[in-house]
Amino acid sequence: DISLSEYFLDRANKDGRVKKAIEKYITKYGNLTKIKGICKEVNPDMECLYNACKHKNNIHTVKYFVEVHKLKIDINCIIKLLDNIGNSTTRYIINGYKEDKKKEEQEKENEKKK
């Protein structure tokens, strides 16, 4: 007999969608045990941490990724979190930051082409 979570993990590994499996559990509070089970098979990456930061009541999952898997909090984590819980001023500032970064990256790309 195979449990549903084991079946889901096995299928996710075969399909190459492990991040999607983790994301499924990140979106619901109280699924840290399931996430830990998946992380025994595959190491979470920064995308997993970013997804965890999208959900305001996810402190246990974020701490697990940072403290156990040594993922580093960066500006993208903060942006994901503030996108979720921020007010209109916060969103305006974040969107301005994102636009500025995008422009900087485009300028760097154009410089490389010259």
Protein backbone atom coordinates (compact mmCIF):
# COMPACT_ATOMS: atom_id res chain seq x y z
CA ASP A 1 0.00 0.00 0.00
CA ILE A 2 1.30 3.43 -0.94
CA SER A 3 0.03 6.62 0.70
CA LEU A 4 -1.33 9.46 -1.37
CA SER A 5 1.63 11.67 -0.52
CA GLU A 6 4.07 8.91 -1.49
CA TYR A 7 2.21 8.39 -4.74
CA PHE A 8 2.22 12.13 -5.40
CA LEU A 9 5.96 12.40 -4.65
CA ASP A 10 6.76 9.40 -6.85
CA ARG A 11 4.72 10.83 -9.69
CA ALA A 12 6.23 14.31 -9.23
CA ASN A 13 9.75 12.89 -9.41
CA LYS A 14 8.93 10.93 -12.54
CA ASP A 15 7.36 13.94 -14.18
CA GLY A 16 10.15 16.26 -13.10
CA ARG A 17 7.74 18.47 -11.17
CA VAL A 18 9.07 18.22 -7.64
CA LYS A 19 8.83 21.97 -7.14
CA LYS A 20 5.15 21.76 -8.04
CA ALA A 21 4.70 19.08 -5.39
CA ILE A 22 6.30 21.30 -2.77
CA GLU A 23 4.28 24.30 -3.99
CA LYS A 24 1.06 22.31 -3.57
CA TYR A 25 1.81 21.83 0.11
CA ILE A 26 3.28 25.30 0.69
CA THR A 27 -0.02 26.93 -0.17
CA LYS A 28 -1.80 25.37 2.79
CA TYR A 29 -0.97 26.04 6.42
CA GLY A 30 0.06 22.99 8.45
CA ASN A 31 1.70 20.95 5.70
CA LEU A 32 5.27 21.20 6.98
CA THR A 33 5.41 17.44 7.67
CA LYS A 34 4.52 16.72 4.04
CA ILE A 35 7.08 19.26 2.82
CA LYS A 36 9.77 17.66 5.00
CA GLY A 37 8.90 14.28 3.49
CA ILE A 38 9.35 15.62 -0.03
CA CYS A 39 12.60 17.35 0.97
CA LYS A 40 14.05 13.98 2.00
CA GLU A 41 13.95 13.07 -1.68
CA VAL A 42 15.03 16.37 -3.19
CA ASN A 43 16.62 19.55 -1.86
CA PRO A 44 14.45 22.66 -2.07
CA ASP A 45 15.83 25.58 -4.03
CA MET A 46 15.32 29.33 -3.91
CA GLU A 47 12.10 29.04 -5.91
CA CYS A 48 10.67 26.96 -3.07
CA LEU A 49 11.64 29.64 -0.56
CA TYR A 50 10.12 32.36 -2.76
CA ASN A 51 6.89 30.39 -2.98
CA ALA A 52 6.83 29.93 0.78
CA CYS A 53 7.27 33.69 1.23
CA LYS A 54 4.15 34.32 -0.86
CA HIS A 55 1.98 33.07 1.98
CA LYS A 56 1.78 35.23 5.10
CA ASN A 57 1.18 32.42 7.62
CA ASN A 58 4.07 30.26 6.48
CA ILE A 59 6.72 31.04 9.09
CA HIS A 60 7.39 27.38 9.90
CA THR A 61 8.06 26.46 6.27
CA VAL A 62 10.23 29.54 5.68
CA LYS A 63 12.24 28.81 8.85
CA TYR A 64 12.62 25.17 7.78
CA PHE A 65 14.02 26.15 4.37
CA VAL A 66 16.35 28.79 5.88
CA GLU A 67 17.56 26.95 8.98
CA VAL A 68 17.64 23.33 7.80
CA HIS A 69 18.36 23.70 4.08
CA LYS A 70 20.46 26.86 4.49
CA LEU A 71 18.63 28.84 1.81
CA LYS A 72 19.51 32.53 2.03
CA ILE A 73 16.86 35.19 2.35
CA ASP A 74 17.24 37.80 -0.37
CA ILE A 75 15.35 40.80 -1.71
CA ASN A 76 13.06 38.53 -3.73
CA CYS A 77 11.84 36.88 -0.52
CA ILE A 78 11.01 40.27 0.92
CA ILE A 79 9.23 41.33 -2.27
CA LYS A 80 7.15 38.13 -2.36
CA LEU A 81 6.15 38.63 1.26
CA LEU A 82 5.31 42.31 0.90
CA ASP A 83 3.37 41.66 -2.31
CA ASN A 84 1.09 39.48 -0.22
CA ILE A 85 0.65 41.55 2.92
CA GLY A 86 1.45 45.08 1.81
CA ASN A 87 -0.85 48.04 1.40
CA SER A 88 -1.11 50.22 -1.72
CA THR A 89 2.02 52.23 -0.82
CA THR A 90 4.04 49.05 -0.31
CA ARG A 91 2.84 47.67 -3.63
CA TYR A 92 3.71 50.94 -5.38
CA ILE A 93 7.25 50.87 -3.96
CA ILE A 94 7.73 47.19 -4.84
CA ASN A 95 6.45 47.68 -8.38
CA GLY A 96 8.78 50.68 -8.79
CA TYR A 97 11.70 48.60 -7.55
CA LYS A 98 10.84 45.78 -9.96
CA GLU A 99 10.58 48.19 -12.89
CA ASP A 100 13.91 49.82 -12.03
CA LYS A 101 15.61 46.41 -11.77
CA LYS A 102 14.13 45.34 -15.09
CA LYS A 103 15.41 48.53 -16.75
CA GLU A 104 18.87 47.98 -15.23
CA GLU A 105 18.98 44.42 -16.55
CA GLN A 106 17.89 45.57 -20.01
CA GLU A 107 20.57 48.27 -20.02
CA LYS A 108 23.22 45.73 -19.02
CA GLU A 109 22.03 43.39 -21.75
CA ASN A 110 22.22 46.21 -24.31
CA GLU A 111 25.75 47.08 -23.14
CA LYS A 112 26.85 43.48 -23.65
CA LYS A 113 25.54 43.53 -27.22
CA LYS A 114 27.66 46.59 -28.11
